[in-house]
Amino acid sequence: MNPRPDQFDLAILREPQADGRLSNAELAARVGLSAAPCWRRVRTLEQAGFITGYRAILDRQKIVSPLRNGLGG
């Protein structure tokens, strides 16, 4: 990978921040690539450390409230 991301790499980095559940096919369509090159770029960005993981953002209030009310299993 080039030391500096190009326009496609930057688009690939930007899109999952708005919607982390994008499929590779949808990501590819949004950034203007076919699926295989998009997938390779994502893997390259991961290996180069630009993408360090994938996470879910939890609503702590919805987790804590049931526990406080005795509904926590």
C-alpha atoms as a PDB file:
ATOM      1  CA  MET A   1       0.000   0.000   0.000  1.00  0.00           C
ATOM      2  CA  ASN A   2       1.146   3.529  -0.689  1.00  0.00           C
ATOM      3  CA  PRO A   3       2.096   5.413   2.468  1.00  0.00           C
ATOM      4  CA  ARG A   4      -0.653   7.909   1.675  1.00  0.00           C
ATOM      5  CA  PRO A   5      -4.219   6.715   1.126  1.00  0.00           C
ATOM      6  CA  ASP A   6      -5.781   7.704  -2.201  1.00  0.00           C
ATOM      7  CA  GLN A   7      -9.338   8.936  -2.809  1.00  0.00           C
ATOM      8  CA  PHE A   8     -10.775   5.411  -2.783  1.00  0.00           C
ATOM      9  CA  ASP A   9      -8.993   4.507   0.458  1.00  0.00           C
ATOM     10  CA  LEU A  10     -10.262   7.678   2.115  1.00  0.00           C
ATOM     11  CA  ALA A  11     -13.804   6.944   0.974  1.00  0.00           C
ATOM     12  CA  ILE A  12     -13.487   3.379   2.287  1.00  0.00           C
ATOM     13  CA  LEU A  13     -12.332   4.760   5.633  1.00  0.00           C
ATOM     14  CA  ARG A  14     -15.145   7.324   5.776  1.00  0.00           C
ATOM     15  CA  GLU A  15     -18.176   5.181   4.901  1.00  0.00           C
ATOM     16  CA  PRO A  16     -18.086   2.639   7.763  1.00  0.00           C
ATOM     17  CA  GLN A  17     -17.886   5.466  10.285  1.00  0.00           C
ATOM     18  CA  ALA A  18     -21.396   6.505   9.247  1.00  0.00           C
ATOM     19  CA  ASP A  19     -22.699   2.933   8.888  1.00  0.00           C
ATOM     20  CA  GLY A  20     -20.511   0.207  10.355  1.00  0.00           C
ATOM     21  CA  ARG A  21     -22.809  -2.578   9.179  1.00  0.00           C
ATOM     22  CA  LEU A  22     -22.202  -2.035   5.482  1.00  0.00           C
ATOM     23  CA  SER A  23     -21.655  -5.140   3.428  1.00  0.00           C
ATOM     24  CA  ASN A  24     -18.623  -5.172   1.172  1.00  0.00           C
ATOM     25  CA  ALA A  25     -20.947  -4.961  -1.859  1.00  0.00           C
ATOM     26  CA  GLU A  26     -22.658  -1.849  -0.485  1.00  0.00           C
ATOM     27  CA  LEU A  27     -19.344  -0.272   0.514  1.00  0.00           C
ATOM     28  CA  ALA A  28     -17.971  -0.945  -2.958  1.00  0.00           C
ATOM     29  CA  ALA A  29     -21.002   0.663  -4.595  1.00  0.00           C
ATOM     30  CA  ARG A  30     -20.751   3.736  -2.375  1.00  0.00           C
ATOM     31  CA  VAL A  31     -17.059   4.303  -3.095  1.00  0.00           C
ATOM     32  CA  GLY A  32     -17.238   3.506  -6.806  1.00  0.00           C
ATOM     33  CA  LEU A  33     -15.347   0.217  -6.939  1.00  0.00           C
ATOM     34  CA  SER A  34     -16.323  -3.343  -7.714  1.00  0.00           C
ATOM     35  CA  ALA A  35     -16.533  -5.745  -4.791  1.00  0.00           C
ATOM     36  CA  ALA A  36     -13.190  -7.575  -5.194  1.00  0.00           C
ATOM     37  CA  PRO A  37     -10.926  -4.492  -5.361  1.00  0.00           C
ATOM     38  CA  CYS A  38     -12.864  -2.903  -2.492  1.00  0.00           C
ATOM     39  CA  TRP A  39     -12.385  -6.010  -0.351  1.00  0.00           C
ATOM     40  CA  ARG A  40      -8.641  -6.059  -1.133  1.00  0.00           C
ATOM     41  CA  ARG A  41      -8.332  -2.385  -0.195  1.00  0.00           C
ATOM     42  CA  VAL A  42     -10.181  -2.940   3.093  1.00  0.00           C
ATOM     43  CA  ARG A  43      -7.830  -5.827   3.944  1.00  0.00           C
ATOM     44  CA  THR A  44      -4.801  -3.708   3.013  1.00  0.00           C
ATOM     45  CA  LEU A  45      -6.074  -0.821   5.169  1.00  0.00           C
ATOM     46  CA  GLU A  46      -6.540  -3.264   8.065  1.00  0.00           C
ATOM     47  CA  GLN A  47      -3.051  -4.720   7.657  1.00  0.00           C
ATOM     48  CA  ALA A  48      -1.528  -1.234   7.458  1.00  0.00           C
ATOM     49  CA  GLY A  49      -3.238  -0.246  10.725  1.00  0.00           C
ATOM     50  CA  PHE A  50      -5.633   2.320   9.280  1.00  0.00           C
ATOM     51  CA  ILE A  51      -8.560   0.141  10.383  1.00  0.00           C
ATOM     52  CA  THR A  52      -7.930  -1.260  13.840  1.00  0.00           C
ATOM     53  CA  GLY A  53     -11.204  -3.005  14.527  1.00  0.00           C
ATOM     54  CA  TYR A  54     -14.972  -3.013  14.304  1.00  0.00           C
ATOM     55  CA  ARG A  55     -17.139  -2.164  17.275  1.00  0.00           C
ATOM     56  CA  ALA A  56     -20.718  -1.842  18.368  1.00  0.00           C
ATOM     57  CA  ILE A  57     -21.696   1.308  20.239  1.00  0.00           C
ATOM     58  CA  LEU A  58     -23.932   0.327  23.116  1.00  0.00           C
ATOM     59  CA  ASP A  59     -26.529   2.391  24.921  1.00  0.00           C
ATOM     60  CA  ARG A  60     -25.329   2.025  28.504  1.00  0.00           C
ATOM     61  CA  GLN A  61     -28.622   3.347  29.861  1.00  0.00           C
ATOM     62  CA  LYS A  62     -30.552   0.514  28.241  1.00  0.00           C
ATOM     63  CA  ILE A  63     -28.125  -2.017  29.678  1.00  0.00           C
ATOM     64  CA  VAL A  64     -28.020  -0.599  33.202  1.00  0.00           C
ATOM     65  CA  SER A  65     -31.773   0.062  33.644  1.00  0.00           C
ATOM     66  CA  PRO A  66     -32.897  -3.584  33.379  1.00  0.00           C
ATOM     67  CA  LEU A  67     -30.142  -4.640  35.782  1.00  0.00           C
ATOM     68  CA  ARG A  68     -31.314  -2.064  38.331  1.00  0.00           C
ATOM     69  CA  ASN A  69     -34.894  -3.252  37.971  1.00  0.00           C
ATOM     70  CA  GLY A  70     -34.037  -6.891  38.610  1.00  0.00           C
ATOM     71  CA  LEU A  71     -34.489  -7.962  34.997  1.00  0.00           C
ATOM     72  CA  GLY A  72     -30.874  -8.844  34.422  1.00  0.00           C
ATOM     73  CA  GLY A  73     -31.185 -12.591  34.235  1.00  0.00           C
END
